[in-house]
Amino acid sequence: MVKIRLMGAFAHLAKARDLEVKLEGPKTANEILREVIPRYDEFHDKIIFINGKPAKGEAIVEENDEIKVMPVLSGG
């Protein structure tokens, strides 16, 4: 199982702050997050952590990893 912690608008869109997803083989963080967050690709800037370390969306995620993701918001 992969633990997913969603922050901000991502938690609102997915209707959950914490999720668990069973993987059937390695996937990228983006692939997993697209499956659980509606409109994920509409957010161009995101902060992703895998196992507590900053990561890119193309990073490979495996069983027992933990993903934390939050959108980057800007204002003026």
PDB file of N, CA and C in Angstrom:
ATOM      1  N   MET A   1       0.832  -1.184   0.000  1.00  0.00           N
ATOM      2  CA  MET A   1       0.000   0.000   0.000  1.00  0.00           C
ATOM      3  C   MET A   1       0.880   1.252   0.000  1.00  0.00           C
ATOM      4  N   VAL A   2       0.412   2.240  -0.718  1.00  0.00           N
ATOM      5  CA  VAL A   2       1.056   3.548  -0.728  1.00  0.00           C
ATOM      6  C   VAL A   2       0.146   4.494   0.049  1.00  0.00           C
ATOM      7  N   LYS A   3       0.715   5.192   1.005  1.00  0.00           N
ATOM      8  CA  LYS A   3      -0.047   6.183   1.762  1.00  0.00           C
ATOM      9  C   LYS A   3       0.057   7.516   1.032  1.00  0.00           C
ATOM     10  N   ILE A   4      -1.079   8.198   0.922  1.00  0.00           N
ATOM     11  CA  ILE A   4      -1.120   9.487   0.243  1.00  0.00           C
ATOM     12  C   ILE A   4      -1.722  10.505   1.195  1.00  0.00           C
ATOM     13  N   ARG A   5      -1.037  11.598   1.389  1.00  0.00           N
ATOM     14  CA  ARG A   5      -1.522  12.699   2.232  1.00  0.00           C
ATOM     15  C   ARG A   5      -1.749  13.903   1.327  1.00  0.00           C
ATOM     16  N   LEU A   6      -2.980  14.376   1.288  1.00  0.00           N
ATOM     17  CA  LEU A   6      -3.357  15.478   0.410  1.00  0.00           C
ATOM     18  C   LEU A   6      -3.568  16.743   1.228  1.00  0.00           C
ATOM     19  N   MET A   7      -3.099  17.853   0.680  1.00  0.00           N
ATOM     20  CA  MET A   7      -3.207  19.131   1.372  1.00  0.00           C
ATOM     21  C   MET A   7      -3.995  20.109   0.499  1.00  0.00           C
ATOM     22  N   GLY A   8      -4.610  21.102   1.148  1.00  0.00           N
ATOM     23  CA  GLY A   8      -5.267  22.192   0.442  1.00  0.00           C
ATOM     24  C   GLY A   8      -6.352  21.741  -0.522  1.00  0.00           C
ATOM     25  N   ALA A   9      -6.327  22.345  -1.711  1.00  0.00           N
ATOM     26  CA  ALA A   9      -7.356  22.072  -2.723  1.00  0.00           C
ATOM     27  C   ALA A   9      -7.374  20.599  -3.127  1.00  0.00           C
ATOM     28  N   PHE A  10      -6.232  19.918  -3.062  1.00  0.00           N
ATOM     29  CA  PHE A  10      -6.207  18.503  -3.440  1.00  0.00           C
ATOM     30  C   PHE A  10      -7.058  17.670  -2.479  1.00  0.00           C
ATOM     31  N   ALA A  11      -6.996  17.973  -1.186  1.00  0.00           N
ATOM     32  CA  ALA A  11      -7.822  17.256  -0.213  1.00  0.00           C
ATOM     33  C   ALA A  11      -9.305  17.539  -0.477  1.00  0.00           C
ATOM     34  N   HIS A  12      -9.616  18.768  -0.818  1.00  0.00           N
ATOM     35  CA  HIS A  12     -11.002  19.139  -1.114  1.00  0.00           C
ATOM     36  C   HIS A  12     -11.511  18.387  -2.352  1.00  0.00           C
ATOM     37  N   LEU A  13     -10.720  18.360  -3.415  1.00  0.00           N
ATOM     38  CA  LEU A  13     -11.144  17.694  -4.649  1.00  0.00           C
ATOM     39  C   LEU A  13     -11.299  16.189  -4.474  1.00  0.00           C
ATOM     40  N   ALA A  14     -10.396  15.577  -3.720  1.00  0.00           N
ATOM     41  CA  ALA A  14     -10.438  14.122  -3.513  1.00  0.00           C
ATOM     42  C   ALA A  14     -11.400  13.735  -2.389  1.00  0.00           C
ATOM     43  N   LYS A  15     -11.890  14.752  -1.662  1.00  0.00           N
ATOM     44  CA  LYS A  15     -12.787  14.530  -0.524  1.00  0.00           C
ATOM     45  C   LYS A  15     -12.143  13.668   0.560  1.00  0.00           C
ATOM     46  N   ALA A  16     -10.828  13.821   0.716  1.00  0.00           N
ATOM     47  CA  ALA A  16     -10.096  13.087   1.757  1.00  0.00           C
ATOM     48  C   ALA A  16      -8.725  13.728   1.951  1.00  0.00           C
ATOM     49  N   ARG A  17      -8.227  13.638   3.172  1.00  0.00           N
ATOM     50  CA  ARG A  17      -6.871  14.110   3.447  1.00  0.00           C
ATOM     51  C   ARG A  17      -5.858  12.968   3.356  1.00  0.00           C
ATOM     52  N   ASP A  18      -6.306  11.784   3.750  1.00  0.00           N
ATOM     53  CA  ASP A  18      -5.418  10.620   3.758  1.00  0.00           C
ATOM     54  C   ASP A  18      -6.052   9.489   2.973  1.00  0.00           C
ATOM     55  N   LEU A  19      -5.259   8.892   2.108  1.00  0.00           N
ATOM     56  CA  LEU A  19      -5.718   7.765   1.294  1.00  0.00           C
ATOM     57  C   LEU A  19      -4.657   6.683   1.298  1.00  0.00           C
ATOM     58  N   GLU A  20      -5.070   5.483   0.971  1.00  0.00           N
ATOM     59  CA  GLU A  20      -4.135   4.391   0.740  1.00  0.00           C
ATOM     60  C   GLU A  20      -4.501   3.742  -0.587  1.00  0.00           C
ATOM     61  N   VAL A  21      -3.471   3.462  -1.387  1.00  0.00           N
ATOM     62  CA  VAL A  21      -3.675   2.890  -2.708  1.00  0.00           C
ATOM     63  C   VAL A  21      -2.789   1.656  -2.833  1.00  0.00           C
ATOM     64  N   LYS A  22      -3.370   0.576  -3.341  1.00  0.00           N
ATOM     65  CA  LYS A  22      -2.572  -0.628  -3.586  1.00  0.00           C
ATOM     66  C   LYS A  22      -1.964  -0.526  -4.972  1.00  0.00           C
ATOM     67  N   LEU A  23      -0.671  -0.740  -5.051  1.00  0.00           N
ATOM     68  CA  LEU A  23       0.028  -0.696  -6.339  1.00  0.00           C
ATOM     69  C   LEU A  23       0.189  -2.087  -6.904  1.00  0.00           C
ATOM     70  N   GLU A  24       0.090  -2.175  -8.205  1.00  0.00           N
ATOM     71  CA  GLU A  24       0.414  -3.421  -8.895  1.00  0.00           C
ATOM     72  C   GLU A  24       1.585  -3.095  -9.803  1.00  0.00           C
ATOM     73  N   GLY A  25       2.739  -2.940  -9.201  1.00  0.00           N
ATOM     74  CA  GLY A  25       3.942  -2.555  -9.924  1.00  0.00           C
ATOM     75  C   GLY A  25       4.223  -1.075  -9.727  1.00  0.00           C
ATOM     76  N   PRO A  26       5.460  -0.666  -9.950  1.00  0.00           N
ATOM     77  CA  PRO A  26       5.843   0.730  -9.762  1.00  0.00           C
ATOM     78  C   PRO A  26       5.098   1.671 -10.712  1.00  0.00           C
ATOM     79  N   LYS A  27       4.760   2.844 -10.202  1.00  0.00           N
ATOM     80  CA  LYS A  27       4.131   3.903 -10.991  1.00  0.00           C
ATOM     81  C   LYS A  27       4.790   5.214 -10.603  1.00  0.00           C
ATOM     82  N   THR A  28       4.597   6.232 -11.435  1.00  0.00           N
ATOM     83  CA  THR A  28       5.108   7.543 -11.060  1.00  0.00           C
ATOM     84  C   THR A  28       4.123   8.198 -10.081  1.00  0.00           C
ATOM     85  N   ALA A  29       4.628   9.174  -9.345  1.00  0.00           N
ATOM     86  CA  ALA A  29       3.767   9.917  -8.421  1.00  0.00           C
ATOM     87  C   ALA A  29       2.620  10.550  -9.199  1.00  0.00           C
ATOM     88  N   ASN A  30       2.907  11.143 -10.358  1.00  0.00           N
ATOM     89  CA  ASN A  30       1.846  11.773 -11.154  1.00  0.00           C
ATOM     90  C   ASN A  30       0.767  10.767 -11.550  1.00  0.00           C
ATOM     91  N   GLU A  31       1.144   9.577 -11.958  1.00  0.00           N
ATOM     92  CA  GLU A  31       0.157   8.561 -12.353  1.00  0.00           C
ATOM     93  C   GLU A  31      -0.776   8.236 -11.190  1.00  0.00           C
ATOM     94  N   ILE A  32      -0.215   8.068 -10.023  1.00  0.00           N
ATOM     95  CA  ILE A  32      -1.022   7.737  -8.844  1.00  0.00           C
ATOM     96  C   ILE A  32      -1.930   8.897  -8.476  1.00  0.00           C
ATOM     97  N   LEU A  33      -1.377  10.101  -8.459  1.00  0.00           N
ATOM     98  CA  LEU A  33      -2.153  11.269  -8.045  1.00  0.00           C
ATOM     99  C   LEU A  33      -3.267  11.595  -9.034  1.00  0.00           C
ATOM    100  N   ARG A  34      -3.058  11.340 -10.314  1.00  0.00           N
ATOM    101  CA  ARG A  34      -4.126  11.540 -11.311  1.00  0.00           C
ATOM    102  C   ARG A  34      -5.309  10.620 -11.039  1.00  0.00           C
ATOM    103  N   GLU A  35      -5.025   9.432 -10.509  1.00  0.00           N
ATOM    104  CA  GLU A  35      -6.089   8.467 -10.234  1.00  0.00           C
ATOM    105  C   GLU A  35      -6.952   8.871  -9.041  1.00  0.00           C
ATOM    106  N   VAL A  36      -6.383   9.599  -8.087  1.00  0.00           N
ATOM    107  CA  VAL A  36      -7.123   9.887  -6.857  1.00  0.00           C
ATOM    108  C   VAL A  36      -7.582  11.344  -6.727  1.00  0.00           C
ATOM    109  N   ILE A  37      -7.027  12.251  -7.547  1.00  0.00           N
ATOM    110  CA  ILE A  37      -7.391  13.671  -7.449  1.00  0.00           C
ATOM    111  C   ILE A  37      -8.033  14.131  -8.756  1.00  0.00           C
ATOM    112  N   PRO A  38      -9.342  14.414  -8.734  1.00  0.00           N
ATOM    113  CA  PRO A  38      -9.970  14.972  -9.930  1.00  0.00           C
ATOM    114  C   PRO A  38      -9.307  16.308 -10.294  1.00  0.00           C
ATOM    115  N   ARG A  39      -9.132  16.547 -11.579  1.00  0.00           N
ATOM    116  CA  ARG A  39      -8.577  17.806 -12.097  1.00  0.00           C
ATOM    117  C   ARG A  39      -7.119  18.036 -11.675  1.00  0.00           C
ATOM    118  N   TYR A  40      -6.420  16.988 -11.300  1.00  0.00           N
ATOM    119  CA  TYR A  40      -5.018  17.100 -10.850  1.00  0.00           C
ATOM    120  C   TYR A  40      -4.157  17.867 -11.851  1.00  0.00           C
ATOM    121  N   ASP A  41      -4.315  17.597 -13.125  1.00  0.00           N
ATOM    122  CA  ASP A  41      -3.465  18.216 -14.143  1.00  0.00           C
ATOM    123  C   ASP A  41      -3.757  19.703 -14.352  1.00  0.00           C
ATOM    124  N   GLU A  42      -4.859  20.198 -13.808  1.00  0.00           N
ATOM    125  CA  GLU A  42      -5.144  21.622 -13.917  1.00  0.00           C
ATOM    126  C   GLU A  42      -4.225  22.465 -13.033  1.00  0.00           C
ATOM    127  N   PHE A  43      -3.593  21.828 -12.054  1.00  0.00           N
ATOM    128  CA  PHE A  43      -2.657  22.509 -11.166  1.00  0.00           C
ATOM    129  C   PHE A  43      -1.255  22.328 -11.729  1.00  0.00           C
ATOM    130  N   HIS A  44      -0.701  23.388 -12.279  1.00  0.00           N
ATOM    131  CA  HIS A  44       0.610  23.285 -12.915  1.00  0.00           C
ATOM    132  C   HIS A  44       1.748  23.228 -11.905  1.00  0.00           C
ATOM    133  N   ASP A  45       1.578  23.890 -10.770  1.00  0.00           N
ATOM    134  CA  ASP A  45       2.627  23.904  -9.755  1.00  0.00           C
ATOM    135  C   ASP A  45       2.166  23.115  -8.540  1.00  0.00           C
ATOM    136  N   LYS A  46       2.982  22.142  -8.167  1.00  0.00           N
ATOM    137  CA  LYS A  46       2.668  21.280  -7.034  1.00  0.00           C
ATOM    138  C   LYS A  46       3.948  21.033  -6.246  1.00  0.00           C
ATOM    139  N   ILE A  47       3.801  20.795  -4.964  1.00  0.00           N
ATOM    140  CA  ILE A  47       4.930  20.383  -4.137  1.00  0.00           C
ATOM    141  C   ILE A  47       4.668  18.932  -3.761  1.00  0.00           C
ATOM    142  N   ILE A  48       5.612  18.062  -4.102  1.00  0.00           N
ATOM    143  CA  ILE A  48       5.467  16.633  -3.851  1.00  0.00           C
ATOM    144  C   ILE A  48       6.617  16.159  -2.974  1.00  0.00           C
ATOM    145  N   PHE A  49       6.277  15.395  -1.957  1.00  0.00           N
ATOM    146  CA  PHE A  49       7.272  14.735  -1.121  1.00  0.00           C
ATOM    147  C   PHE A  49       7.028  13.236  -1.196  1.00  0.00           C
ATOM    148  N   ILE A  50       8.087  12.468  -1.338  1.00  0.00           N
ATOM    149  CA  ILE A  50       7.991  11.012  -1.258  1.00  0.00           C
ATOM    150  C   ILE A  50       8.885  10.582  -0.111  1.00  0.00           C
ATOM    151  N   ASN A  51       8.276   9.931   0.864  1.00  0.00           N
ATOM    152  CA  ASN A  51       8.985   9.506   2.071  1.00  0.00           C
ATOM    153  C   ASN A  51       9.712  10.671   2.740  1.00  0.00           C
ATOM    154  N   GLY A  52       9.050  11.839   2.741  1.00  0.00           N
ATOM    155  CA  GLY A  52       9.580  13.006   3.430  1.00  0.00           C
ATOM    156  C   GLY A  52      10.621  13.800   2.677  1.00  0.00           C
ATOM    157  N   LYS A  53      10.938  13.397   1.451  1.00  0.00           N
ATOM    158  CA  LYS A  53      11.948  14.096   0.663  1.00  0.00           C
ATOM    159  C   LYS A  53      11.302  14.730  -0.572  1.00  0.00           C
ATOM    160  N   PRO A  54      11.718  15.960  -0.936  1.00  0.00           N
ATOM    161  CA  PRO A  54      11.162  16.586  -2.133  1.00  0.00           C
ATOM    162  C   PRO A  54      11.350  15.695  -3.361  1.00  0.00           C
ATOM    163  N   ALA A  55      10.319  15.656  -4.213  1.00  0.00           N
ATOM    164  CA  ALA A  55      10.370  14.784  -5.391  1.00  0.00           C
ATOM    165  C   ALA A  55       9.655  15.444  -6.558  1.00  0.00           C
ATOM    166  N   LYS A  56       9.922  14.954  -7.723  1.00  0.00           N
ATOM    167  CA  LYS A  56       9.236  15.377  -8.949  1.00  0.00           C
ATOM    168  C   LYS A  56       8.086  14.412  -9.220  1.00  0.00           C
ATOM    169  N   GLY A  57       7.142  14.845 -10.034  1.00  0.00           N
ATOM    170  CA  GLY A  57       6.010  13.997 -10.376  1.00  0.00           C
ATOM    171  C   GLY A  57       6.390  12.749 -11.143  1.00  0.00           C
ATOM    172  N   GLU A  58       7.545  12.780 -11.797  1.00  0.00           N
ATOM    173  CA  GLU A  58       8.007  11.625 -12.568  1.00  0.00           C
ATOM    174  C   GLU A  58       8.704  10.582 -11.698  1.00  0.00           C
ATOM    175  N   ALA A  59       8.876  10.874 -10.414  1.00  0.00           N
ATOM    176  CA  ALA A  59       9.553   9.937  -9.507  1.00  0.00           C
ATOM    177  C   ALA A  59       8.754   8.645  -9.389  1.00  0.00           C
ATOM    178  N   ILE A  60       9.463   7.534  -9.370  1.00  0.00           N
ATOM    179  CA  ILE A  60       8.822   6.225  -9.243  1.00  0.00           C
ATOM    180  C   ILE A  60       8.442   5.976  -7.783  1.00  0.00           C
ATOM    181  N   VAL A  61       7.214   5.512  -7.582  1.00  0.00           N
ATOM    182  CA  VAL A  61       6.699   5.196  -6.259  1.00  0.00           C
ATOM    183  C   VAL A  61       6.507   3.689  -6.179  1.00  0.00           C
ATOM    184  N   GLU A  62       6.885   3.122  -5.045  1.00  0.00           N
ATOM    185  CA  GLU A  62       6.756   1.681  -4.850  1.00  0.00           C
ATOM    186  C   GLU A  62       5.957   1.396  -3.585  1.00  0.00           C
ATOM    187  N   GLU A  63       5.605   0.133  -3.391  1.00  0.00           N
ATOM    188  CA  GLU A  63       4.859  -0.274  -2.201  1.00  0.00           C
ATOM    189  C   GLU A  63       5.526   0.258  -0.940  1.00  0.00           C
ATOM    190  N   ASN A  64       4.700   0.653   0.018  1.00  0.00           N
ATOM    191  CA  ASN A  64       5.121   1.161   1.333  1.00  0.00           C
ATOM    192  C   ASN A  64       5.697   2.569   1.299  1.00  0.00           C
ATOM    193  N   ASP A  65       5.707   3.228   0.145  1.00  0.00           N
ATOM    194  CA  ASP A  65       6.126   4.623   0.093  1.00  0.00           C
ATOM    195  C   ASP A  65       4.981   5.507   0.587  1.00  0.00           C
ATOM    196  N   GLU A  66       5.321   6.739   0.926  1.00  0.00           N
ATOM    197  CA  GLU A  66       4.323   7.716   1.334  1.00  0.00           C
ATOM    198  C   GLU A  66       4.486   8.969   0.480  1.00  0.00           C
ATOM    199  N   ILE A  67       3.379   9.426  -0.089  1.00  0.00           N
ATOM    200  CA  ILE A  67       3.373  10.633  -0.920  1.00  0.00           C
ATOM    201  C   ILE A  67       2.615  11.720  -0.171  1.00  0.00           C
ATOM    202  N   LYS A  68       3.186  12.912  -0.151  1.00  0.00           N
ATOM    203  CA  LYS A  68       2.479  14.084   0.365  1.00  0.00           C
ATOM    204  C   LYS A  68       2.497  15.111  -0.753  1.00  0.00           C
ATOM    205  N   VAL A  69       1.335  15.685  -1.052  1.00  0.00           N
ATOM    206  CA  VAL A  69       1.259  16.632  -2.160  1.00  0.00           C
ATOM    207  C   VAL A  69       0.389  17.823  -1.790  1.00  0.00           C
ATOM    208  N   MET A  70       0.844  19.003  -2.234  1.00  0.00           N
ATOM    209  CA  MET A  70       0.078  20.216  -2.012  1.00  0.00           C
ATOM    210  C   MET A  70       0.194  21.119  -3.232  1.00  0.00           C
ATOM    211  N   PRO A  71      -0.876  21.829  -3.563  1.00  0.00           N
ATOM    212  CA  PRO A  71      -0.794  22.764  -4.688  1.00  0.00           C
ATOM    213  C   PRO A  71      -0.035  24.019  -4.259  1.00  0.00           C
ATOM    214  N   VAL A  72       0.610  24.655  -5.215  1.00  0.00           N
ATOM    215  CA  VAL A  72       1.251  25.934  -4.965  1.00  0.00           C
ATOM    216  C   VAL A  72       0.269  27.013  -5.387  1.00  0.00           C
ATOM    217  N   LEU A  73      -0.064  27.860  -4.465  1.00  0.00           N
ATOM    218  CA  LEU A  73      -0.997  28.943  -4.744  1.00  0.00           C
ATOM    219  C   LEU A  73      -0.231  30.264  -4.760  1.00  0.00           C
ATOM    220  N   SER A  74      -0.633  31.131  -5.648  1.00  0.00           N
ATOM    221  CA  SER A  74       0.006  32.441  -5.691  1.00  0.00           C
ATOM    222  C   SER A  74      -1.070  33.502  -5.710  1.00  0.00           C
ATOM    223  N   GLY A  75      -0.711  34.632  -5.235  1.00  0.00           N
ATOM    224  CA  GLY A  75      -1.670  35.726  -5.206  1.00  0.00           C
ATOM    225  C   GLY A  75      -0.961  37.035  -5.469  1.00  0.00           C
ATOM    226  N   GLY A  76      -1.723  38.066  -5.537  1.00  0.00           N
ATOM    227  CA  GLY A  76      -1.074  39.317  -5.877  1.00  0.00           C
ATOM    228  C   GLY A  76      -1.486  40.469  -5.061  1.00  0.00           C
TER     229      GLY A  76
END
